[in-house]
Amino acid sequence: MRIGKVIGNIWATRKEEKLSGLKLLIVQPINVIDGSPDRAPIVAVDIISAGVGDTVIIVGGSSARGAAGDMGIPVDATIVGIVDDQEIDPSLI
């Protein structure tokens, strides 16, 4: 699992049939320690009604397909949670 910030939406009129009805968001993966960008933004399927500005939990690979509801769905990332808060013990870093 990774943490990211939703930075935008994607609309696609024409897409793979199995993607029909799925909401697509642009997510910037972030460093969980300091919130800085970590990697390039990705497109993720949203199954929990996240929105722009939300910090989210993202799963990838087969976990992303399973969370989206069908192992045959062509997705690499799925948003599975919205982060309310986090606490990190600095003595363990």
PDB file of N, CA and C in Angstrom:
ATOM      1  N   MET A   1       0.846  -1.180   0.000  1.00  0.00           N
ATOM      2  CA  MET A   1       0.000   0.000   0.000  1.00  0.00           C
ATOM      3  C   MET A   1       0.886   1.236   0.000  1.00  0.00           C
ATOM      4  N   ARG A   2       0.354   2.294  -0.570  1.00  0.00           N
ATOM      5  CA  ARG A   2       1.036   3.580  -0.620  1.00  0.00           C
ATOM      6  C   ARG A   2       0.054   4.675  -0.224  1.00  0.00           C
ATOM      7  N   ILE A   3       0.617   5.843   0.065  1.00  0.00           N
ATOM      8  CA  ILE A   3      -0.181   7.020   0.387  1.00  0.00           C
ATOM      9  C   ILE A   3      -0.028   8.005  -0.766  1.00  0.00           C
ATOM     10  N   GLY A   4      -1.101   8.714  -1.104  1.00  0.00           N
ATOM     11  CA  GLY A   4      -1.039   9.712  -2.167  1.00  0.00           C
ATOM     12  C   GLY A   4      -2.045  10.826  -1.931  1.00  0.00           C
ATOM     13  N   LYS A   5      -1.886  11.875  -2.706  1.00  0.00           N
ATOM     14  CA  LYS A   5      -2.800  13.029  -2.659  1.00  0.00           C
ATOM     15  C   LYS A   5      -3.515  13.094  -4.000  1.00  0.00           C
ATOM     16  N   VAL A   6      -4.852  13.159  -3.956  1.00  0.00           N
ATOM     17  CA  VAL A   6      -5.640  13.266  -5.186  1.00  0.00           C
ATOM     18  C   VAL A   6      -5.449  14.685  -5.732  1.00  0.00           C
ATOM     19  N   ILE A   7      -4.964  14.774  -6.981  1.00  0.00           N
ATOM     20  CA  ILE A   7      -4.685  16.084  -7.577  1.00  0.00           C
ATOM     21  C   ILE A   7      -5.540  16.379  -8.803  1.00  0.00           C
ATOM     22  N   GLY A   8      -6.373  15.440  -9.217  1.00  0.00           N
ATOM     23  CA  GLY A   8      -7.208  15.709 -10.384  1.00  0.00           C
ATOM     24  C   GLY A   8      -8.110  14.553 -10.760  1.00  0.00           C
ATOM     25  N   ASN A   9      -8.931  14.799 -11.772  1.00  0.00           N
ATOM     26  CA  ASN A   9      -9.875  13.812 -12.306  1.00  0.00           C
ATOM     27  C   ASN A   9      -9.483  13.463 -13.727  1.00  0.00           C
ATOM     28  N   ILE A  10      -9.952  12.313 -14.191  1.00  0.00           N
ATOM     29  CA  ILE A  10      -9.785  11.896 -15.585  1.00  0.00           C
ATOM     30  C   ILE A  10     -11.169  11.508 -16.100  1.00  0.00           C
ATOM     31  N   TRP A  11     -11.507  12.001 -17.256  1.00  0.00           N
ATOM     32  CA  TRP A  11     -12.735  11.585 -17.929  1.00  0.00           C
ATOM     33  C   TRP A  11     -12.325  10.965 -19.255  1.00  0.00           C
ATOM     34  N   ALA A  12     -12.868   9.796 -19.559  1.00  0.00           N
ATOM     35  CA  ALA A  12     -12.564   9.111 -20.810  1.00  0.00           C
ATOM     36  C   ALA A  12     -13.866   8.593 -21.404  1.00  0.00           C
ATOM     37  N   THR A  13     -14.277   9.185 -22.495  1.00  0.00           N
ATOM     38  CA  THR A  13     -15.514   8.765 -23.149  1.00  0.00           C
ATOM     39  C   THR A  13     -15.357   7.361 -23.722  1.00  0.00           C
ATOM     40  N   ARG A  14     -14.215   7.125 -24.363  1.00  0.00           N
ATOM     41  CA  ARG A  14     -13.946   5.803 -24.932  1.00  0.00           C
ATOM     42  C   ARG A  14     -12.894   5.127 -24.078  1.00  0.00           C
ATOM     43  N   LYS A  15     -13.232   3.939 -23.583  1.00  0.00           N
ATOM     44  CA  LYS A  15     -12.295   3.194 -22.752  1.00  0.00           C
ATOM     45  C   LYS A  15     -12.648   1.714 -22.776  1.00  0.00           C
ATOM     46  N   GLU A  16     -11.779   0.897 -22.258  1.00  0.00           N
ATOM     47  CA  GLU A  16     -11.998  -0.539 -22.138  1.00  0.00           C
ATOM     48  C   GLU A  16     -13.340  -0.776 -21.454  1.00  0.00           C
ATOM     49  N   GLU A  17     -14.092  -1.696 -21.968  1.00  0.00           N
ATOM     50  CA  GLU A  17     -15.451  -1.964 -21.481  1.00  0.00           C
ATOM     51  C   GLU A  17     -15.502  -2.215 -19.967  1.00  0.00           C
ATOM     52  N   LYS A  18     -14.513  -2.903 -19.421  1.00  0.00           N
ATOM     53  CA  LYS A  18     -14.518  -3.220 -17.988  1.00  0.00           C
ATOM     54  C   LYS A  18     -14.282  -1.991 -17.112  1.00  0.00           C
ATOM     55  N   LEU A  19     -13.866  -0.879 -17.710  1.00  0.00           N
ATOM     56  CA  LEU A  19     -13.668   0.359 -16.953  1.00  0.00           C
ATOM     57  C   LEU A  19     -14.939   1.208 -16.891  1.00  0.00           C
ATOM     58  N   SER A  20     -15.971   0.806 -17.623  1.00  0.00           N
ATOM     59  CA  SER A  20     -17.217   1.564 -17.627  1.00  0.00           C
ATOM     60  C   SER A  20     -17.787   1.658 -16.217  1.00  0.00           C
ATOM     61  N   GLY A  21     -18.188   2.864 -15.839  1.00  0.00           N
ATOM     62  CA  GLY A  21     -18.781   3.090 -14.535  1.00  0.00           C
ATOM     63  C   GLY A  21     -17.777   3.327 -13.416  1.00  0.00           C
ATOM     64  N   LEU A  22     -16.490   3.216 -13.714  1.00  0.00           N
ATOM     65  CA  LEU A  22     -15.477   3.438 -12.685  1.00  0.00           C
ATOM     66  C   LEU A  22     -14.967   4.877 -12.752  1.00  0.00           C
ATOM     67  N   LYS A  23     -14.837   5.506 -11.593  1.00  0.00           N
ATOM     68  CA  LYS A  23     -14.311   6.865 -11.494  1.00  0.00           C
ATOM     69  C   LYS A  23     -12.785   6.797 -11.477  1.00  0.00           C
ATOM     70  N   LEU A  24     -12.141   7.639 -12.294  1.00  0.00           N
ATOM     71  CA  LEU A  24     -10.688   7.663 -12.391  1.00  0.00           C
ATOM     72  C   LEU A  24     -10.149   8.981 -11.842  1.00  0.00           C
ATOM     73  N   LEU A  25      -9.160   8.899 -10.973  1.00  0.00           N
ATOM     74  CA  LEU A  25      -8.553  10.079 -10.380  1.00  0.00           C
ATOM     75  C   LEU A  25      -7.051  10.083 -10.615  1.00  0.00           C
ATOM     76  N   ILE A  26      -6.464  11.269 -10.646  1.00  0.00           N
ATOM     77  CA  ILE A  26      -5.012  11.410 -10.732  1.00  0.00           C
ATOM     78  C   ILE A  26      -4.490  11.557  -9.308  1.00  0.00           C
ATOM     79  N   VAL A  27      -3.539  10.701  -8.944  1.00  0.00           N
ATOM     80  CA  VAL A  27      -3.018  10.678  -7.580  1.00  0.00           C
ATOM     81  C   VAL A  27      -1.507  10.886  -7.608  1.00  0.00           C
ATOM     82  N   GLN A  28      -1.033  11.810  -6.777  1.00  0.00           N
ATOM     83  CA  GLN A  28       0.397  12.042  -6.603  1.00  0.00           C
ATOM     84  C   GLN A  28       0.860  11.218  -5.399  1.00  0.00           C
ATOM     85  N   PRO A  29       1.626  10.130  -5.625  1.00  0.00           N
ATOM     86  CA  PRO A  29       2.171   9.399  -4.477  1.00  0.00           C
ATOM     87  C   PRO A  29       3.035  10.335  -3.630  1.00  0.00           C
ATOM     88  N   ILE A  30       2.934  10.195  -2.305  1.00  0.00           N
ATOM     89  CA  ILE A  30       3.708  11.071  -1.424  1.00  0.00           C
ATOM     90  C   ILE A  30       4.511  10.238  -0.424  1.00  0.00           C
ATOM     91  N   ASN A  31       5.582  10.849   0.063  1.00  0.00           N
ATOM     92  CA  ASN A  31       6.406  10.262   1.105  1.00  0.00           C
ATOM     93  C   ASN A  31       5.618  10.327   2.402  1.00  0.00           C
ATOM     94  N   VAL A  32       5.402   9.202   3.044  1.00  0.00           N
ATOM     95  CA  VAL A  32       4.575   9.152   4.245  1.00  0.00           C
ATOM     96  C   VAL A  32       5.206   9.921   5.412  1.00  0.00           C
ATOM     97  N   ILE A  33       6.510  10.103   5.400  1.00  0.00           N
ATOM     98  CA  ILE A  33       7.200  10.796   6.491  1.00  0.00           C
ATOM     99  C   ILE A  33       6.997  12.309   6.423  1.00  0.00           C
ATOM    100  N   ASP A  34       7.253  12.901   5.235  1.00  0.00           N
ATOM    101  CA  ASP A  34       7.212  14.370   5.153  1.00  0.00           C
ATOM    102  C   ASP A  34       6.194  14.929   4.165  1.00  0.00           C
ATOM    103  N   GLY A  35       5.450  14.072   3.476  1.00  0.00           N
ATOM    104  CA  GLY A  35       4.415  14.537   2.557  1.00  0.00           C
ATOM    105  C   GLY A  35       4.924  15.042   1.213  1.00  0.00           C
ATOM    106  N   SER A  36       6.230  14.900   0.957  1.00  0.00           N
ATOM    107  CA  SER A  36       6.778  15.365  -0.321  1.00  0.00           C
ATOM    108  C   SER A  36       6.403  14.392  -1.440  1.00  0.00           C
ATOM    109  N   PRO A  37       6.320  14.882  -2.687  1.00  0.00           N
ATOM    110  CA  PRO A  37       6.001  13.994  -3.815  1.00  0.00           C
ATOM    111  C   PRO A  37       7.007  12.854  -3.917  1.00  0.00           C
ATOM    112  N   ASP A  38       6.498  11.676  -4.229  1.00  0.00           N
ATOM    113  CA  ASP A  38       7.317  10.471  -4.347  1.00  0.00           C
ATOM    114  C   ASP A  38       6.888   9.753  -5.615  1.00  0.00           C
ATOM    115  N   ARG A  39       7.648   9.894  -6.682  1.00  0.00           N
ATOM    116  CA  ARG A  39       7.343   9.320  -7.994  1.00  0.00           C
ATOM    117  C   ARG A  39       6.414  10.233  -8.791  1.00  0.00           C
ATOM    118  N   ALA A  40       6.165   9.830 -10.019  1.00  0.00           N
ATOM    119  CA  ALA A  40       5.269  10.581 -10.909  1.00  0.00           C
ATOM    120  C   ALA A  40       3.813  10.299 -10.527  1.00  0.00           C
ATOM    121  N   PRO A  41       2.900  11.231 -10.827  1.00  0.00           N
ATOM    122  CA  PRO A  41       1.470  10.981 -10.573  1.00  0.00           C
ATOM    123  C   PRO A  41       0.984   9.758 -11.337  1.00  0.00           C
ATOM    124  N   ILE A  42      -0.043   9.118 -10.800  1.00  0.00           N
ATOM    125  CA  ILE A  42      -0.630   7.924 -11.415  1.00  0.00           C
ATOM    126  C   ILE A  42      -2.134   8.103 -11.559  1.00  0.00           C
ATOM    127  N   VAL A  43      -2.736   7.269 -12.389  1.00  0.00           N
ATOM    128  CA  VAL A  43      -4.189   7.210 -12.514  1.00  0.00           C
ATOM    129  C   VAL A  43      -4.663   6.038 -11.666  1.00  0.00           C
ATOM    130  N   ALA A  44      -5.655   6.278 -10.818  1.00  0.00           N
ATOM    131  CA  ALA A  44      -6.176   5.224  -9.941  1.00  0.00           C
ATOM    132  C   ALA A  44      -7.698   5.177 -10.018  1.00  0.00           C
ATOM    133  N   VAL A  45      -8.232   3.980  -9.919  1.00  0.00           N
ATOM    134  CA  VAL A  45      -9.677   3.785  -9.832  1.00  0.00           C
ATOM    135  C   VAL A  45     -10.112   4.156  -8.415  1.00  0.00           C
ATOM    136  N   ASP A  46     -11.201   4.908  -8.318  1.00  0.00           N
ATOM    137  CA  ASP A  46     -11.722   5.335  -7.021  1.00  0.00           C
ATOM    138  C   ASP A  46     -12.977   4.535  -6.695  1.00  0.00           C
ATOM    139  N   ILE A  47     -12.909   3.696  -5.656  1.00  0.00           N
ATOM    140  CA  ILE A  47     -14.076   2.892  -5.273  1.00  0.00           C
ATOM    141  C   ILE A  47     -14.712   3.397  -3.985  1.00  0.00           C
ATOM    142  N   ILE A  48     -14.197   4.510  -3.424  1.00  0.00           N
ATOM    143  CA  ILE A  48     -14.686   4.978  -2.124  1.00  0.00           C
ATOM    144  C   ILE A  48     -15.142   6.429  -2.127  1.00  0.00           C
ATOM    145  N   SER A  49     -15.271   7.041  -3.293  1.00  0.00           N
ATOM    146  CA  SER A  49     -15.736   8.427  -3.436  1.00  0.00           C
ATOM    147  C   SER A  49     -14.769   9.448  -2.849  1.00  0.00           C
ATOM    148  N   ALA A  50     -13.490   9.286  -3.149  1.00  0.00           N
ATOM    149  CA  ALA A  50     -12.490  10.286  -2.771  1.00  0.00           C
ATOM    150  C   ALA A  50     -12.639  11.490  -3.692  1.00  0.00           C
ATOM    151  N   GLY A  51     -11.979  12.582  -3.346  1.00  0.00           N
ATOM    152  CA  GLY A  51     -12.044  13.779  -4.166  1.00  0.00           C
ATOM    153  C   GLY A  51     -10.722  14.507  -4.185  1.00  0.00           C
ATOM    154  N   VAL A  52     -10.632  15.506  -5.040  1.00  0.00           N
ATOM    155  CA  VAL A  52      -9.416  16.296  -5.162  1.00  0.00           C
ATOM    156  C   VAL A  52      -9.075  16.898  -3.802  1.00  0.00           C
ATOM    157  N   GLY A  53      -7.811  16.765  -3.412  1.00  0.00           N
ATOM    158  CA  GLY A  53      -7.337  17.268  -2.138  1.00  0.00           C
ATOM    159  C   GLY A  53      -7.266  16.217  -1.048  1.00  0.00           C
ATOM    160  N   ASP A  54      -7.953  15.097  -1.230  1.00  0.00           N
ATOM    161  CA  ASP A  54      -7.923  14.035  -0.219  1.00  0.00           C
ATOM    162  C   ASP A  54      -6.581  13.314  -0.231  1.00  0.00           C
ATOM    163  N   THR A  55      -6.119  12.939   0.959  1.00  0.00           N
ATOM    164  CA  THR A  55      -4.975  12.039   1.088  1.00  0.00           C
ATOM    165  C   THR A  55      -5.561  10.639   1.152  1.00  0.00           C
ATOM    166  N   VAL A  56      -5.047   9.738   0.304  1.00  0.00           N
ATOM    167  CA  VAL A  56      -5.679   8.429   0.127  1.00  0.00           C
ATOM    168  C   VAL A  56      -4.675   7.294   0.278  1.00  0.00           C
ATOM    169  N   ILE A  57      -5.220   6.114   0.515  1.00  0.00           N
ATOM    170  CA  ILE A  57      -4.442   4.878   0.535  1.00  0.00           C
ATOM    171  C   ILE A  57      -4.678   4.190  -0.803  1.00  0.00           C
ATOM    172  N   ILE A  58      -3.583   3.790  -1.445  1.00  0.00           N
ATOM    173  CA  ILE A  58      -3.636   3.187  -2.779  1.00  0.00           C
ATOM    174  C   ILE A  58      -3.044   1.787  -2.722  1.00  0.00           C
ATOM    175  N   VAL A  59      -3.690   0.844  -3.391  1.00  0.00           N
ATOM    176  CA  VAL A  59      -3.104  -0.484  -3.572  1.00  0.00           C
ATOM    177  C   VAL A  59      -2.815  -0.673  -5.052  1.00  0.00           C
ATOM    178  N   GLY A  60      -1.863  -1.546  -5.356  1.00  0.00           N
ATOM    179  CA  GLY A  60      -1.483  -1.787  -6.738  1.00  0.00           C
ATOM    180  C   GLY A  60      -1.507  -3.259  -7.092  1.00  0.00           C
ATOM    181  N   GLY A  61      -1.260  -3.547  -8.357  1.00  0.00           N
ATOM    182  CA  GLY A  61      -1.169  -4.921  -8.837  1.00  0.00           C
ATOM    183  C   GLY A  61      -2.456  -5.696  -8.682  1.00  0.00           C
ATOM    184  N   SER A  62      -2.317  -6.967  -8.287  1.00  0.00           N
ATOM    185  CA  SER A  62      -3.505  -7.818  -8.163  1.00  0.00           C
ATOM    186  C   SER A  62      -4.438  -7.316  -7.063  1.00  0.00           C
ATOM    187  N   SER A  63      -3.884  -6.661  -6.042  1.00  0.00           N
ATOM    188  CA  SER A  63      -4.738  -6.086  -4.992  1.00  0.00           C
ATOM    189  C   SER A  63      -5.627  -4.990  -5.568  1.00  0.00           C
ATOM    190  N   ALA A  64      -5.105  -4.210  -6.516  1.00  0.00           N
ATOM    191  CA  ALA A  64      -5.888  -3.146  -7.156  1.00  0.00           C
ATOM    192  C   ALA A  64      -7.028  -3.736  -7.968  1.00  0.00           C
ATOM    193  N   ARG A  65      -6.752  -4.801  -8.696  1.00  0.00           N
ATOM    194  CA  ARG A  65      -7.797  -5.435  -9.496  1.00  0.00           C
ATOM    195  C   ARG A  65      -8.859  -6.077  -8.608  1.00  0.00           C
ATOM    196  N   GLY A  66      -8.421  -6.748  -7.548  1.00  0.00           N
ATOM    197  CA  GLY A  66      -9.364  -7.372  -6.618  1.00  0.00           C
ATOM    198  C   GLY A  66     -10.246  -6.339  -5.937  1.00  0.00           C
ATOM    199  N   ALA A  67      -9.651  -5.224  -5.510  1.00  0.00           N
ATOM    200  CA  ALA A  67     -10.418  -4.173  -4.847  1.00  0.00           C
ATOM    201  C   ALA A  67     -11.421  -3.539  -5.800  1.00  0.00           C
ATOM    202  N   ALA A  68     -11.060  -3.468  -7.089  1.00  0.00           N
ATOM    203  CA  ALA A  68     -11.958  -2.888  -8.091  1.00  0.00           C
ATOM    204  C   ALA A  68     -13.104  -3.836  -8.436  1.00  0.00           C
ATOM    205  N   GLY A  69     -13.017  -5.082  -7.977  1.00  0.00           N
ATOM    206  CA  GLY A  69     -14.144  -5.990  -8.124  1.00  0.00           C
ATOM    207  C   GLY A  69     -14.029  -7.081  -9.160  1.00  0.00           C
ATOM    208  N   ASP A  70     -12.913  -7.121  -9.900  1.00  0.00           N
ATOM    209  CA  ASP A  70     -12.787  -8.123 -10.957  1.00  0.00           C
ATOM    210  C   ASP A  70     -11.312  -8.260 -11.297  1.00  0.00           C
ATOM    211  N   MET A  71     -10.778  -9.448 -11.172  1.00  0.00           N
ATOM    212  CA  MET A  71      -9.351  -9.655 -11.458  1.00  0.00           C
ATOM    213  C   MET A  71      -9.026  -9.420 -12.935  1.00  0.00           C
ATOM    214  N   GLY A  72     -10.037  -9.283 -13.778  1.00  0.00           N
ATOM    215  CA  GLY A  72      -9.816  -9.030 -15.194  1.00  0.00           C
ATOM    216  C   GLY A  72      -9.854  -7.553 -15.568  1.00  0.00           C
ATOM    217  N   ILE A  73     -10.096  -6.662 -14.597  1.00  0.00           N
ATOM    218  CA  ILE A  73     -10.137  -5.228 -14.882  1.00  0.00           C
ATOM    219  C   ILE A  73      -8.714  -4.726 -15.094  1.00  0.00           C
ATOM    220  N   PRO A  74      -8.466  -3.989 -16.176  1.00  0.00           N
ATOM    221  CA  PRO A  74      -7.108  -3.526 -16.466  1.00  0.00           C
ATOM    222  C   PRO A  74      -6.724  -2.269 -15.674  1.00  0.00           C
ATOM    223  N   VAL A  75      -6.489  -2.432 -14.359  1.00  0.00           N
ATOM    224  CA  VAL A  75      -6.078  -1.304 -13.524  1.00  0.00           C
ATOM    225  C   VAL A  75      -4.783  -1.654 -12.794  1.00  0.00           C
ATOM    226  N   ASP A  76      -3.965  -0.628 -12.564  1.00  0.00           N
ATOM    227  CA  ASP A  76      -2.717  -0.789 -11.820  1.00  0.00           C
ATOM    228  C   ASP A  76      -2.813  -0.228 -10.419  1.00  0.00           C
ATOM    229  N   ALA A  77      -3.808   0.627 -10.153  1.00  0.00           N
ATOM    230  CA  ALA A  77      -3.925   1.266  -8.844  1.00  0.00           C
ATOM    231  C   ALA A  77      -5.400   1.499  -8.514  1.00  0.00           C
ATOM    232  N   THR A  78      -5.752   1.249  -7.258  1.00  0.00           N
ATOM    233  CA  THR A  78      -7.105   1.485  -6.769  1.00  0.00           C
ATOM    234  C   THR A  78      -7.031   2.195  -5.421  1.00  0.00           C
ATOM    235  N   ILE A  79      -7.857   3.218  -5.257  1.00  0.00           N
ATOM    236  CA  ILE A  79      -7.947   3.937  -3.991  1.00  0.00           C
ATOM    237  C   ILE A  79      -8.868   3.143  -3.075  1.00  0.00           C
ATOM    238  N   VAL A  80      -8.334   2.759  -1.891  1.00  0.00           N
ATOM    239  CA  VAL A  80      -9.115   1.917  -0.982  1.00  0.00           C
ATOM    240  C   VAL A  80      -9.383   2.584   0.368  1.00  0.00           C
ATOM    241  N   GLY A  81      -8.873   3.786   0.581  1.00  0.00           N
ATOM    242  CA  GLY A  81      -9.120   4.462   1.845  1.00  0.00           C
ATOM    243  C   GLY A  81      -8.797   5.940   1.763  1.00  0.00           C
ATOM    244  N   ILE A  82      -9.452   6.726   2.615  1.00  0.00           N
ATOM    245  CA  ILE A  82      -9.156   8.154   2.756  1.00  0.00           C
ATOM    246  C   ILE A  82      -8.523   8.330   4.125  1.00  0.00           C
ATOM    247  N   VAL A  83      -7.346   8.950   4.153  1.00  0.00           N
ATOM    248  CA  VAL A  83      -6.605   9.135   5.402  1.00  0.00           C
ATOM    249  C   VAL A  83      -7.207  10.309   6.170  1.00  0.00           C
ATOM    250  N   ASP A  84      -7.609  10.062   7.403  1.00  0.00           N
ATOM    251  CA  ASP A  84      -8.111  11.129   8.269  1.00  0.00           C
ATOM    252  C   ASP A  84      -6.961  11.822   8.980  1.00  0.00           C
ATOM    253  N   ASP A  85      -5.995  11.039   9.430  1.00  0.00           N
ATOM    254  CA  ASP A  85      -4.857  11.578  10.174  1.00  0.00           C
ATOM    255  C   ASP A  85      -3.791  10.493  10.210  1.00  0.00           C
ATOM    256  N   GLN A  86      -2.592  10.876  10.604  1.00  0.00           N
ATOM    257  CA  GLN A  86      -1.534   9.890  10.794  1.00  0.00           C
ATOM    258  C   GLN A  86      -0.628  10.358  11.909  1.00  0.00           C
ATOM    259  N   GLU A  87       0.033   9.417  12.544  1.00  0.00           N
ATOM    260  CA  GLU A  87       0.980   9.735  13.612  1.00  0.00           C
ATOM    261  C   GLU A  87       2.204   8.861  13.408  1.00  0.00           C
ATOM    262  N   ILE A  88       3.361   9.478  13.368  1.00  0.00           N
ATOM    263  CA  ILE A  88       4.612   8.768  13.190  1.00  0.00           C
ATOM    264  C   ILE A  88       5.515   9.078  14.378  1.00  0.00           C
ATOM    265  N   ASP A  89       6.077   8.043  14.973  1.00  0.00           N
ATOM    266  CA  ASP A  89       7.001   8.213  16.101  1.00  0.00           C
ATOM    267  C   ASP A  89       8.372   8.575  15.543  1.00  0.00           C
ATOM    268  N   PRO A  90       8.823   9.837  15.711  1.00  0.00           N
ATOM    269  CA  PRO A  90      10.097  10.270  15.140  1.00  0.00           C
ATOM    270  C   PRO A  90      11.305   9.515  15.695  1.00  0.00           C
ATOM    271  N   SER A  91      11.172   8.934  16.866  1.00  0.00           N
ATOM    272  CA  SER A  91      12.301   8.192  17.429  1.00  0.00           C
ATOM    273  C   SER A  91      12.552   6.879  16.702  1.00  0.00           C
ATOM    274  N   LEU A  92      11.602   6.451  15.880  1.00  0.00           N
ATOM    275  CA  LEU A  92      11.748   5.189  15.142  1.00  0.00           C
ATOM    276  C   LEU A  92      12.193   5.400  13.708  1.00  0.00           C
ATOM    277  N   ILE A  93      12.429   6.640  13.329  1.00  0.00           N
ATOM    278  CA  ILE A  93      12.836   6.929  11.940  1.00  0.00           C
ATOM    279  C   ILE A  93      14.348   6.925  11.853  1.00  0.00           C
TER     280      ILE A  93
END
